[in-house]
C-alpha atoms as a PDB file:
ATOM      1  CA  MET A   1     153.986 -89.288 110.158  1.00  0.00           C
ATOM      2  CA  HIS A   2     153.008 -91.759 112.851  1.00  0.00           C
ATOM      3  CA  LEU A   3     152.253 -95.302 111.690  1.00  0.00           C
ATOM      4  CA  ALA A   4     150.590 -97.593 114.203  1.00  0.00           C
ATOM      5  CA  PHE A   5     150.291-101.135 112.769  1.00  0.00           C
ATOM      6  CA  ALA A   6     147.226-102.895 114.022  1.00  0.00           C
ATOM      7  CA  GLY A   7     148.331-106.420 113.130  1.00  0.00           C
ATOM      8  CA  SER A   8     145.686-109.082 112.791  1.00  0.00           C
ATOM      9  CA  VAL A   9     142.613-107.218 113.980  1.00  0.00           C
ATOM     10  CA  LEU A  10     140.418-108.151 110.966  1.00  0.00           C
ATOM     11  CA  PHE A  11     137.447-110.575 110.798  1.00  0.00           C
ATOM     12  CA  ALA A  12     135.077-111.451 108.018  1.00  0.00           C
ATOM     13  CA  GLY A  13     131.371-110.762 108.310  1.00  0.00           C
ATOM     14  CA  CYS A  14     129.963-107.357 107.695  1.00  0.00           C
ATOM     15  CA  GLY A  15     127.752-106.772 104.737  1.00  0.00           C
ATOM     16  CA  GLY A  16     128.555-109.976 102.751  1.00  0.00           C
ATOM     17  CA  ASP A  17     125.428-109.597 100.750  1.00  0.00           C
ATOM     18  CA  ALA A  18     125.514-106.363  98.727  1.00  0.00           C
ATOM     19  CA  SER A  19     122.103-106.970  96.972  1.00  0.00           C
ATOM     20  CA  GLY A  20     120.517-103.729  98.216  1.00  0.00           C
ATOM     21  CA  PRO A  21     120.124-100.881  95.795  1.00  0.00           C
ATOM     22  CA  ARG A  22     123.420 -99.103  94.895  1.00  0.00           C
ATOM     23  CA  PRO A  23     122.910 -95.799  92.980  1.00  0.00           C
ATOM     24  CA  ALA A  24     125.653 -94.993  90.555  1.00  0.00           C
ATOM     25  CA  PRO A  25     128.591 -93.919  92.749  1.00  0.00           C
ATOM     26  CA  ASP A  26     130.297 -90.582  92.192  1.00  0.00           C
ATOM     27  CA  ALA A  27     134.028 -90.030  92.423  1.00  0.00           C
ATOM     28  CA  GLY A  28     133.972 -89.990  96.173  1.00  0.00           C
ATOM     29  CA  PRO A  29     135.498 -87.421  98.501  1.00  0.00           C
ATOM     30  CA  GLU A  30     138.639 -85.789  97.099  1.00  0.00           C
ATOM     31  CA  PRO A  31     141.614 -86.337  99.433  1.00  0.00           C
ATOM     32  CA  GLY A  32     143.708 -83.546  98.089  1.00  0.00           C
ATOM     33  CA  THR A  33     144.885 -81.505  95.104  1.00  0.00           C
ATOM     34  CA  ASP A  34     146.382 -84.570  93.452  1.00  0.00           C
ATOM     35  CA  PRO A  35     145.058 -87.971  94.637  1.00  0.00           C
ATOM     36  CA  PHE A  36     147.340 -89.681  92.181  1.00  0.00           C
ATOM     37  CA  SER A  37     150.466 -88.330  93.621  1.00  0.00           C
ATOM     38  CA  CYS A  38     152.658 -90.706  95.795  1.00  0.00           C
ATOM     39  CA  ARG A  39     152.652 -87.936  98.283  1.00  0.00           C
ATOM     40  CA  ALA A  40     148.812 -87.816  98.459  1.00  0.00           C
ATOM     41  CA  ALA A  41     148.748 -88.972 102.110  1.00  0.00           C
ATOM     42  CA  GLU A  42     151.447 -86.565 103.146  1.00  0.00           C
ATOM     43  CA  GLY A  43     150.449 -84.479 106.217  1.00  0.00           C
ATOM     44  CA  LEU A  44     148.001 -87.025 107.534  1.00  0.00           C
ATOM     45  CA  GLU A  45     148.437 -89.179 110.639  1.00  0.00           C
ATOM     46  CA  LEU A  46     147.764 -92.772 109.719  1.00  0.00           C
ATOM     47  CA  SER A  47     147.087 -95.961 111.678  1.00  0.00           C
ATOM     48  CA  VAL A  48     147.512 -98.785 109.150  1.00  0.00           C
ATOM     49  CA  LEU A  49     145.091-101.689 109.370  1.00  0.00           C
ATOM     50  CA  GLN A  50     146.411-103.716 106.423  1.00  0.00           C
ATOM     51  CA  ASP A  51     149.271-103.271 103.987  1.00  0.00           C
ATOM     52  CA  PHE A  52     149.297-106.849 102.501  1.00  0.00           C
ATOM     53  CA  GLU A  53     153.087-106.911 102.388  1.00  0.00           C
ATOM     54  CA  LYS A  54     153.199-110.326 104.103  1.00  0.00           C
ATOM     55  CA  GLY A  55     151.472-111.791 101.029  1.00  0.00           C
ATOM     56  CA  ILE A  56     148.051-112.387 102.815  1.00  0.00           C
ATOM     57  CA  ALA A  57     144.903-110.279 102.939  1.00  0.00           C
ATOM     58  CA  THR A  58     144.497-111.075 106.666  1.00  0.00           C
ATOM     59  CA  ASP A  59     140.917-112.215 107.355  1.00  0.00           C
ATOM     60  CA  PHE A  60     139.446-110.598 104.347  1.00  0.00           C
ATOM     61  CA  TYR A  61     136.251-112.182 103.145  1.00  0.00           C
ATOM     62  CA  THR A  62     134.767-112.311  99.603  1.00  0.00           C
ATOM     63  CA  ASN A  63     131.305-112.873  98.254  1.00  0.00           C
ATOM     64  CA  ALA A  64     129.639-112.650  94.825  1.00  0.00           C
ATOM     65  CA  ASP A  65     126.051-113.190  93.378  1.00  0.00           C
ATOM     66  CA  GLY A  66     126.814-116.664  91.970  1.00  0.00           C
ATOM     67  CA  SER A  67     125.169-115.888  88.712  1.00  0.00           C
ATOM     68  CA  GLU A  68     125.338-118.662  86.193  1.00  0.00           C
ATOM     69  CA  GLY A  69     128.626-118.765  84.252  1.00  0.00           C
ATOM     70  CA  SER A  70     130.216-116.110  86.320  1.00  0.00           C
ATOM     71  CA  THR A  71     133.742-116.396  87.892  1.00  0.00           C
ATOM     72  CA  VAL A  72     135.367-114.614  90.757  1.00  0.00           C
ATOM     73  CA  ASP A  73     138.856-114.694  92.224  1.00  0.00           C
ATOM     74  CA  PRO A  74     139.424-115.115  95.133  1.00  0.00           C
ATOM     75  CA  PRO A  75     136.525-117.509  95.251  1.00  0.00           C
ATOM     76  CA  VAL A  76     133.213-116.771  97.166  1.00  0.00           C
ATOM     77  CA  GLY A  77     133.781-117.391 100.938  1.00  0.00           C
ATOM     78  CA  SER A  78     137.528-116.911 100.843  1.00  0.00           C
ATOM     79  CA  LYS A  79     139.052-115.925 104.215  1.00  0.00           C
ATOM     80  CA  SER A  80     142.646-114.600 104.411  1.00  0.00           C
ATOM     81  CA  PRO A  81     143.196-115.018 100.632  1.00  0.00           C
ATOM     82  CA  ALA A  82     146.636-114.449  99.234  1.00  0.00           C
ATOM     83  CA  ALA A  83     147.611-110.795  98.269  1.00  0.00           C
ATOM     84  CA  SER A  84     148.780-110.033  94.688  1.00  0.00           C
ATOM     85  CA  ASP A  85     152.111-108.674  93.600  1.00  0.00           C
ATOM     86  CA  ILE A  86     152.143-105.192  92.218  1.00  0.00           C
ATOM     87  CA  VAL A  87     154.167-105.272  89.015  1.00  0.00           C
ATOM     88  CA  GLY A  88     156.835-102.669  89.497  1.00  0.00           C
ATOM     89  CA  GLY A  89     155.551-101.810  92.997  1.00  0.00           C
ATOM     90  CA  ARG A  90     153.600 -98.657  93.979  1.00  0.00           C
ATOM     91  CA  CYS A  91     155.439 -95.437  94.804  1.00  0.00           C
ATOM     92  CA  GLY A  92     158.532 -97.452  95.883  1.00  0.00           C
ATOM     93  CA  VAL A  93     156.868 -98.355  99.197  1.00  0.00           C
ATOM     94  CA  SER A  94     154.341-101.143  98.396  1.00  0.00           C
ATOM     95  CA  GLN A  95     154.880-104.502  96.542  1.00  0.00           C
ATOM     96  CA  ARG A  96     151.513-106.266  97.199  1.00  0.00           C
ATOM     97  CA  ALA A  97     147.866-105.307  97.346  1.00  0.00           C
ATOM     98  CA  PHE A  98     144.508-107.113  97.570  1.00  0.00           C
ATOM     99  CA  ARG A  99     143.030-107.820  94.142  1.00  0.00           C
ATOM    100  CA  MET A 100     139.629-109.246  93.278  1.00  0.00           C
ATOM    101  CA  THR A 101     138.357-110.067  89.820  1.00  0.00           C
ATOM    102  CA  GLY A 102     134.851-111.023  88.607  1.00  0.00           C
ATOM    103  CA  ALA A 103     133.380-111.821  85.151  1.00  0.00           C
ATOM    104  CA  GLY A 104     129.791-112.252  84.038  1.00  0.00           C
ATOM    105  CA  LEU A 105     128.195-111.024  87.233  1.00  0.00           C
ATOM    106  CA  THR A 106     124.563-110.500  86.325  1.00  0.00           C
ATOM    107  CA  GLU A 107     122.547-110.229  89.635  1.00  0.00           C
ATOM    108  CA  TRP A 108     124.034-107.904  92.288  1.00  0.00           C
ATOM    109  CA  GLY A 109     127.838-108.280  91.692  1.00  0.00           C
ATOM    110  CA  MET A 110     130.602-109.035  94.178  1.00  0.00           C
ATOM    111  CA  VAL A 111     131.976-107.670  97.564  1.00  0.00           C
ATOM    112  CA  PHE A 112     135.082-107.887  99.726  1.00  0.00           C
ATOM    113  CA  GLY A 113     135.896-106.514 103.121  1.00  0.00           C
ATOM    114  CA  PHE A 114     136.643-107.299 106.766  1.00  0.00           C
ATOM    115  CA  ASN A 115     135.457-106.701 110.304  1.00  0.00           C
ATOM    116  CA  PHE A 116     137.492-105.932 113.350  1.00  0.00           C
ATOM    117  CA  ARG A 117     138.280-109.319 114.953  1.00  0.00           C
ATOM    118  CA  ASP A 118     137.590-108.211 118.549  1.00  0.00           C
ATOM    119  CA  GLY A 119     134.274-106.560 117.986  1.00  0.00           C
ATOM    120  CA  ALA A 120     133.274-102.902 117.704  1.00  0.00           C
ATOM    121  CA  HIS A 121     136.028-100.237 117.806  1.00  0.00           C
ATOM    122  CA  ASP A 122     135.603 -96.642 118.956  1.00  0.00           C
ATOM    123  CA  LEU A 123     137.114 -94.665 116.091  1.00  0.00           C
ATOM    124  CA  THR A 124     135.930 -91.240 117.299  1.00  0.00           C
ATOM    125  CA  GLU A 125     139.600 -90.024 117.455  1.00  0.00           C
ATOM    126  CA  TRP A 126     139.930 -90.591 113.698  1.00  0.00           C
ATOM    127  CA  ASP A 127     138.585 -88.594 110.809  1.00  0.00           C
ATOM    128  CA  GLY A 128     137.844 -91.499 108.568  1.00  0.00           C
ATOM    129  CA  VAL A 129     139.238 -94.339 106.468  1.00  0.00           C
ATOM    130  CA  SER A 130     141.932 -94.101 103.791  1.00  0.00           C
ATOM    131  CA  PHE A 131     143.143 -96.436 101.124  1.00  0.00           C
ATOM    132  CA  TRP A 132     144.728 -96.691  97.724  1.00  0.00           C
ATOM    133  CA  ALA A 133     142.799 -98.192  94.883  1.00  0.00           C
ATOM    134  CA  ARG A 134     142.882 -98.815  91.140  1.00  0.00           C
ATOM    135  CA  ARG A 135     141.183-100.830  88.406  1.00  0.00           C
ATOM    136  CA  GLY A 136     142.414-102.997  85.584  1.00  0.00           C
ATOM    137  CA  ALA A 137     141.945-102.121  81.944  1.00  0.00           C
ATOM    138  CA  VAL A 138     138.834-104.346  81.626  1.00  0.00           C
ATOM    139  CA  SER A 139     136.689-103.404  84.748  1.00  0.00           C
ATOM    140  CA  GLY A 140     133.838-101.402  86.001  1.00  0.00           C
ATOM    141  CA  ARG A 141     134.802 -97.850  86.964  1.00  0.00           C
ATOM    142  CA  SER A 142     133.292 -97.343  90.437  1.00  0.00           C
ATOM    143  CA  MET A 143     132.634 -99.212  93.693  1.00  0.00           C
ATOM    144  CA  PHE A 144     130.606 -98.480  96.800  1.00  0.00           C
ATOM    145  CA  PHE A 145     132.588 -98.198  99.996  1.00  0.00           C
ATOM    146  CA  SER A 146     130.550 -98.951 103.228  1.00  0.00           C
ATOM    147  CA  VAL A 147     131.227 -98.705 106.947  1.00  0.00           C
ATOM    148  CA  PHE A 148     129.196-100.792 109.448  1.00  0.00           C
ATOM    149  CA  ASP A 149     127.995-100.287 113.011  1.00  0.00           C
ATOM    150  CA  PRO A 150     125.650-102.505 115.117  1.00  0.00           C
ATOM    151  CA  TYR A 151     122.550-100.834 113.562  1.00  0.00           C
ATOM    152  CA  THR A 152     123.546-101.386 109.903  1.00  0.00           C
ATOM    153  CA  GLU A 153     124.929-104.974 110.129  1.00  0.00           C
ATOM    154  CA  ASP A 154     122.886-108.204 110.444  1.00  0.00           C
ATOM    155  CA  LYS A 155     124.505-109.402 113.745  1.00  0.00           C
ATOM    156  CA  GLY A 156     123.252-106.273 115.437  1.00  0.00           C
ATOM    157  CA  GLY A 157     119.716-107.491 115.149  1.00  0.00           C
ATOM    158  CA  HIS A 158     118.279-104.253 113.979  1.00  0.00           C
ATOM    159  CA  CYS A 159     118.148-105.116 110.309  1.00  0.00           C
ATOM    160  CA  ASP A 160     118.139-108.201 108.018  1.00  0.00           C
ATOM    161  CA  SER A 161     119.994-108.324 104.772  1.00  0.00           C
ATOM    162  CA  SER A 162     118.333-111.539 103.809  1.00  0.00           C
ATOM    163  CA  SER A 163     114.857-110.169 104.133  1.00  0.00           C
ATOM    164  CA  GLU A 164     112.609-110.085 101.043  1.00  0.00           C
ATOM    165  CA  VAL A 165     111.164-106.846 102.301  1.00  0.00           C
ATOM    166  CA  LEU A 166     113.459-104.033 101.158  1.00  0.00           C
ATOM    167  CA  THR A 167     112.706-101.695 104.075  1.00  0.00           C
ATOM    168  CA  GLU A 168     113.858-104.411 106.513  1.00  0.00           C
ATOM    169  CA  LYS A 169     117.370-104.688 104.883  1.00  0.00           C
ATOM    170  CA  CYS A 170     120.618-103.323 106.264  1.00  0.00           C
ATOM    171  CA  ASP A 171     121.458 -99.946 104.784  1.00  0.00           C
ATOM    172  CA  ALA A 172     125.059 -99.232 105.544  1.00  0.00           C
ATOM    173  CA  TYR A 173     126.661 -95.760 105.535  1.00  0.00           C
ATOM    174  CA  GLY A 174     128.931 -95.272 102.504  1.00  0.00           C
ATOM    175  CA  THR A 175     129.982 -93.435  99.383  1.00  0.00           C
ATOM    176  CA  GLY A 176     131.032 -94.148  95.899  1.00  0.00           C
ATOM    177  CA  VAL A 177     134.657 -94.284  94.885  1.00  0.00           C
ATOM    178  CA  GLY A 178     135.631 -93.703  91.310  1.00  0.00           C
ATOM    179  CA  LEU A 179     138.461 -96.067  90.028  1.00  0.00           C
ATOM    180  CA  ASP A 180     141.203 -95.253  87.457  1.00  0.00           C
ATOM    181  CA  GLU A 181     143.827 -97.474  86.037  1.00  0.00           C
ATOM    182  CA  GLU A 182     146.377 -95.437  87.970  1.00  0.00           C
ATOM    183  CA  TRP A 183     146.683 -95.831  91.703  1.00  0.00           C
ATOM    184  CA  ARG A 184     144.562 -93.168  93.504  1.00  0.00           C
ATOM    185  CA  PHE A 185     144.452 -92.233  97.178  1.00  0.00           C
ATOM    186  CA  PHE A 186     141.070 -91.917  98.921  1.00  0.00           C
ATOM    187  CA  ALA A 187     140.608 -90.367 102.345  1.00  0.00           C
ATOM    188  CA  ILE A 188     136.891 -90.792 103.176  1.00  0.00           C
ATOM    189  CA  PRO A 189     135.608 -88.850 106.208  1.00  0.00           C
ATOM    190  CA  PHE A 190     133.131 -90.598 108.491  1.00  0.00           C
ATOM    191  CA  ASP A 191     130.938 -87.438 108.636  1.00  0.00           C
ATOM    192  CA  LYS A 192     130.444 -87.544 104.839  1.00  0.00           C
ATOM    193  CA  LEU A 193     129.043 -91.050 104.732  1.00  0.00           C
ATOM    194  CA  ARG A 194     125.351 -91.491 104.080  1.00  0.00           C
ATOM    195  CA  GLN A 195     122.746 -94.329 103.996  1.00  0.00           C
ATOM    196  CA  ARG A 196     121.297 -95.031 100.555  1.00  0.00           C
ATOM    197  CA  GLY A 197     117.658 -94.735 101.723  1.00  0.00           C
ATOM    198  CA  PHE A 198     116.241 -98.248 100.927  1.00  0.00           C
ATOM    199  CA  GLY A 199     116.574-100.215 104.275  1.00  0.00           C
ATOM    200  CA  VAL A 200     116.197 -99.549 107.978  1.00  0.00           C
ATOM    201  CA  PRO A 201     117.086 -95.913 108.700  1.00  0.00           C
ATOM    202  CA  THR A 202     119.326 -94.849 111.578  1.00  0.00           C
ATOM    203  CA  GLU A 203     119.917 -91.417 113.091  1.00  0.00           C
ATOM    204  CA  GLU A 204     123.695 -91.442 112.432  1.00  0.00           C
ATOM    205  CA  LEU A 205     126.764 -93.616 111.911  1.00  0.00           C
ATOM    206  CA  LEU A 206     128.007 -94.711 115.307  1.00  0.00           C
ATOM    207  CA  VAL A 207     131.658 -93.943 114.879  1.00  0.00           C
ATOM    208  CA  SER A 208     132.078 -95.115 118.517  1.00  0.00           C
ATOM    209  CA  GLU A 209     131.051 -98.609 117.506  1.00  0.00           C
ATOM    210  CA  ILE A 210     132.538 -99.443 114.068  1.00  0.00           C
ATOM    211  CA  LEU A 211     132.470-103.137 113.086  1.00  0.00           C
ATOM    212  CA  GLY A 212     134.156-103.170 109.783  1.00  0.00           C
ATOM    213  CA  PHE A 213     134.257-101.972 106.196  1.00  0.00           C
ATOM    214  CA  ASN A 214     133.597-103.352 102.688  1.00  0.00           C
ATOM    215  CA  TRP A 215     133.839-102.530  99.023  1.00  0.00           C
ATOM    216  CA  ALA A 216     130.973-103.496  96.752  1.00  0.00           C
ATOM    217  CA  ALA A 217     130.921-103.859  92.878  1.00  0.00           C
ATOM    218  CA  ASP A 218     127.832-103.938  90.790  1.00  0.00           C
ATOM    219  CA  ARG A 219     126.991-106.237  87.983  1.00  0.00           C
ATOM    220  CA  GLY A 220     129.457-106.800  85.104  1.00  0.00           C
ATOM    221  CA  ASP A 221     133.154-107.467  84.844  1.00  0.00           C
ATOM    222  CA  TRP A 222     135.672-106.329  87.489  1.00  0.00           C
ATOM    223  CA  ASP A 223     139.374-106.119  88.119  1.00  0.00           C
ATOM    224  CA  VAL A 224     139.954-104.031  91.301  1.00  0.00           C
ATOM    225  CA  TRP A 225     142.902-103.499  93.682  1.00  0.00           C
ATOM    226  CA  VAL A 226     143.040-101.908  97.166  1.00  0.00           C
ATOM    227  CA  ASP A 227     146.097-101.214  99.268  1.00  0.00           C
ATOM    228  CA  ASP A 228     147.461 -99.704 102.534  1.00  0.00           C
ATOM    229  CA  ILE A 229     144.024 -99.435 104.261  1.00  0.00           C
ATOM    230  CA  ALA A 230     144.268 -97.207 107.257  1.00  0.00           C
ATOM    231  CA  LEU A 231     142.460 -94.894 109.763  1.00  0.00           C
ATOM    232  CA  TYR A 232     143.491 -91.239 109.197  1.00  0.00           C
ATOM    233  CA  ARG A 233     143.309 -87.886 110.820  1.00  0.00           C
ATOM    234  CA  ALA A 234     144.703 -84.474 110.349  1.00  0.00           C
ATOM    235  CA  PRO A 235     147.289 -83.566 112.937  1.00  0.00           C
ATOM    236  CA  LEU A 236     146.211 -81.074 115.649  1.00  0.00           C
ATOM    237  CA  GLY A 237     146.775 -77.457 114.571  1.00  0.00           C
ATOM    238  CA  SER A 238     146.445 -78.307 110.824  1.00  0.00           C
ATOM    239  CA  GLY A 239     142.914 -76.974 110.304  1.00  0.00           C
ATOM    240  CA  ASP A 240     140.634 -79.390 108.377  1.00  0.00           C
ATOM    241  CA  GLY A 241     143.705 -81.078 106.929  1.00  0.00           C
ATOM    242  CA  GLY A 242     144.004 -82.676 103.580  1.00  0.00           C
ATOM    243  CA  ALA A 243     145.840 -85.456 101.859  1.00  0.00           C
ATOM    244  CA  GLY A 244     149.105 -84.522 100.691  1.00  0.00           C
ATOM    245  CA  GLY A 245     150.772 -82.033  98.407  1.00  0.00           C
ATOM    246  CA  ALA A 246     151.179 -82.731  94.692  1.00  0.00           C
ATOM    247  CA  ASP A 247     154.396 -83.786  93.069  1.00  0.00           C
END
């Protein structure tokens, strides 16, 4: 498996306000026969964007609704917050991950993510985005994963997330991801992502101009972890591919 480490190519900004409607997410695309297996990514070619092993969530950003009495960690507006230790590690290969907690969120919830530091990236050679995720014992059970291009992010000038008019808001392409207390691998294809239907519509996600990604949680209490964020593709000659064999 080829691993191409991208280093510090992340930058905060995309989709910091997740106040648009979010229908109840489903479990998200299945990466393989056993997404909980340590071998779930086996057979995929990966280009790792962030593994958190240096103890920093490089240029990650955080945001939350600021509802009265609520708390979040890392705090709202954090950039490059510390990563968290994984007690006992994960699969013998990872000791740290990004963790965000929130309590008492009553308006729209919380969000974390990043942009590519040097602007839009052409990702047409890749099938999608992969990552590992889990939740704590006291936490909501699903998040919404979004991918941004210039037509679904404020800076592109085609939509406005701060608008009071719902149909003028940015409507990013995304999908729900169901969380378990065990680590689970997600391999999310670009061609399966959809807008949610409330804001400015576009013809398609521009995979040739991807700006960044984020993960949004709804109202309530949260304890969520993500690790080993990467671009993925099935090697040539492998058909439509799949994430790994089961143990």
